[in-house]
Amino acid sequence: MSERDPQDLRRVTLTRDAVGRYTVRNDRGGSITTSSGTDELSPVELLLAGIAGCTAVDVDTVTTRRAEPEQFEVEVTADKVKDEHGNHLQDIEVRFRVRFPDGDGGDAAREMLPKLVRRSHDEWCTVSRTVELGQPVTTTVE
């Protein structure tokens, strides 16, 4: 295993709150609760939220330099299937619904939007890039 740069390490820690209910925390103190079968976001929905959030940051950061959006929504959908590969998602789709105001800034933001969405998908979004490239997940019991 190669030497890891501590700045590149990403980590979350999940703790059990009750049967089927968990809190996930990062090293900076942020947290989110997840569960299955309740109104809270499920682990699968958190994965989809990660894709949405990651690509949204990429696109929003650049387009907002031109104009503040009037609407900015990213929807991610996927089909959960169980087949010879076990449970997994397929047909993951990311839909941007973004509207900018009239004027030069809005025109510039609208013009660059498709290119930025494509670059986020092809290069920048760590979450969707990892899903697409497929990385092994190692598990251990301590």
Protein backbone atom coordinates (compact mmCIF):
# COMPACT_ATOMS: atom_id res chain seq x y z
CA MET A 1 0.00 0.00 0.00
CA SER A 2 1.35 3.44 -0.91
CA GLU A 3 1.91 6.24 1.59
CA ARG A 4 -1.27 8.28 2.07
CA ASP A 5 -1.26 12.07 2.17
CA PRO A 6 -3.40 13.01 5.21
CA GLN A 7 -4.91 15.90 3.23
CA ASP A 8 -6.29 13.43 0.68
CA LEU A 9 -7.95 11.13 3.23
CA ARG A 10 -11.72 11.36 3.46
CA ARG A 11 -13.41 9.73 6.45
CA VAL A 12 -16.82 9.36 8.03
CA THR A 13 -17.72 7.35 11.10
CA LEU A 14 -21.13 5.74 11.56
CA THR A 15 -22.51 5.02 15.03
CA ARG A 16 -25.68 3.10 15.87
CA ASP A 17 -28.44 5.12 17.51
CA ALA A 18 -31.11 2.39 17.50
CA VAL A 19 -32.04 -0.64 15.43
CA GLY A 20 -31.78 0.49 11.81
CA ARG A 21 -30.96 4.14 12.71
CA TYR A 22 -27.45 5.56 12.52
CA THR A 23 -25.60 8.86 12.68
CA VAL A 24 -22.72 9.51 10.33
CA ARG A 25 -20.12 12.12 11.33
CA ASN A 26 -17.12 13.61 9.60
CA ASP A 27 -13.92 14.84 11.24
CA ARG A 28 -15.10 18.47 10.97
CA GLY A 29 -18.18 17.83 13.16
CA GLY A 30 -20.82 17.59 10.46
CA SER A 31 -23.42 14.85 10.81
CA ILE A 32 -26.42 13.28 9.15
CA THR A 33 -28.80 10.58 10.29
CA THR A 34 -29.64 7.64 8.06
CA SER A 35 -32.02 4.75 8.43
CA SER A 36 -34.01 2.27 6.49
CA GLY A 37 -37.78 2.24 6.32
CA THR A 38 -38.33 5.73 7.77
CA ASP A 39 -38.65 9.24 6.34
CA GLU A 40 -34.92 9.83 6.80
CA LEU A 41 -32.54 9.41 3.89
CA SER A 42 -31.58 5.79 3.34
CA PRO A 43 -27.96 4.81 2.64
CA VAL A 44 -28.82 4.40 -1.06
CA GLU A 45 -30.38 7.87 -1.12
CA LEU A 46 -27.26 9.24 0.56
CA LEU A 47 -25.21 7.81 -2.31
CA LEU A 48 -27.50 9.55 -4.82
CA ALA A 49 -27.32 12.73 -2.73
CA GLY A 50 -23.53 12.50 -2.85
CA ILE A 51 -23.62 12.40 -6.64
CA ALA A 52 -26.05 15.33 -6.76
CA GLY A 53 -24.12 17.41 -4.24
CA CYS A 54 -20.74 16.77 -5.79
CA THR A 55 -21.75 17.72 -9.32
CA ALA A 56 -23.83 20.66 -8.07
CA VAL A 57 -20.81 22.18 -6.33
CA ASP A 58 -18.75 21.85 -9.51
CA VAL A 59 -21.34 23.56 -11.68
CA ASP A 60 -22.63 26.14 -9.19
CA THR A 61 -19.18 27.40 -8.22
CA VAL A 62 -18.38 28.42 -11.79
CA THR A 63 -21.77 29.55 -13.12
CA THR A 64 -22.46 31.73 -10.07
CA ARG A 65 -19.44 33.84 -11.00
CA ARG A 66 -21.52 34.96 -14.00
CA ALA A 67 -25.02 35.12 -12.48
CA GLU A 68 -26.94 34.03 -9.41
CA PRO A 69 -29.38 31.30 -10.51
CA GLU A 70 -33.11 31.82 -10.15
CA GLN A 71 -33.54 28.05 -9.91
CA PHE A 72 -30.90 25.41 -9.20
CA GLU A 73 -32.01 21.82 -8.77
CA VAL A 74 -30.25 18.55 -9.42
CA GLU A 75 -32.26 15.33 -9.46
CA VAL A 76 -30.57 11.93 -9.40
CA THR A 77 -32.54 8.77 -10.08
CA ALA A 78 -31.53 5.13 -10.26
CA ASP A 79 -33.15 1.73 -10.39
CA LYS A 80 -32.33 -0.62 -7.52
CA VAL A 81 -32.01 -4.16 -8.81
CA LYS A 82 -31.09 -7.57 -7.45
CA ASP A 83 -29.49 -9.91 -9.95
CA GLU A 84 -26.48 -12.24 -10.28
CA HIS A 85 -24.30 -9.33 -9.04
CA GLY A 86 -26.37 -8.88 -5.86
CA ASN A 87 -28.16 -5.65 -4.91
CA HIS A 88 -26.98 -2.61 -6.84
CA LEU A 89 -28.11 0.47 -8.73
CA GLN A 90 -28.33 0.77 -12.47
CA ASP A 91 -29.48 3.42 -14.94
CA ILE A 92 -28.24 6.29 -12.77
CA GLU A 93 -29.37 9.59 -14.27
CA VAL A 94 -28.46 13.13 -13.21
CA ARG A 95 -30.80 15.94 -14.32
CA PHE A 96 -29.95 19.60 -13.92
CA ARG A 97 -32.79 22.12 -13.76
CA VAL A 98 -31.10 25.50 -13.68
CA ARG A 99 -32.51 28.88 -14.67
CA PHE A 100 -30.57 32.13 -14.82
CA PRO A 101 -31.91 35.68 -15.07
CA ASP A 102 -32.03 37.61 -18.33
CA GLY A 103 -29.01 39.72 -19.16
CA ASP A 104 -25.36 39.30 -20.06
CA GLY A 105 -24.42 37.41 -16.88
CA GLY A 106 -27.35 35.02 -17.21
CA ASP A 107 -26.58 34.51 -20.89
CA ALA A 108 -22.95 33.67 -20.07
CA ALA A 109 -23.97 31.24 -17.33
CA ARG A 110 -26.54 29.53 -19.60
CA GLU A 111 -23.97 29.17 -22.37
CA MET A 112 -21.39 27.51 -20.14
CA LEU A 113 -23.83 25.26 -18.25
CA PRO A 114 -23.78 22.23 -20.61
CA LYS A 115 -19.98 22.27 -20.82
CA LEU A 116 -19.62 22.47 -17.03
CA VAL A 117 -22.10 19.63 -16.47
CA ARG A 118 -20.12 17.50 -18.93
CA ARG A 119 -16.75 18.36 -17.29
CA SER A 120 -18.15 17.60 -13.85
CA HIS A 121 -19.31 14.21 -15.11
CA ASP A 122 -16.13 13.44 -17.07
CA GLU A 123 -13.47 14.83 -14.70
CA TRP A 124 -14.36 16.71 -11.54
CA CYS A 125 -17.08 14.97 -9.50
CA THR A 126 -15.23 12.53 -7.27
CA VAL A 127 -18.43 10.72 -6.28
CA SER A 128 -19.81 9.96 -9.74
CA ARG A 129 -16.31 9.33 -11.12
CA THR A 130 -15.74 6.71 -8.40
CA VAL A 131 -19.09 5.04 -9.11
CA GLU A 132 -18.42 4.99 -12.86
CA LEU A 133 -14.84 3.77 -12.58
CA GLY A 134 -15.77 1.17 -9.96
CA GLN A 135 -13.43 0.95 -7.01
CA PRO A 136 -13.05 -2.08 -4.76
CA VAL A 137 -14.45 -1.68 -1.25
CA THR A 138 -12.42 -3.44 1.44
CA THR A 139 -14.07 -4.47 4.70
CA THR A 140 -12.45 -5.56 7.97
CA VAL A 141 -13.69 -6.49 11.43
CA GLU A 142 -11.68 -5.16 14.37
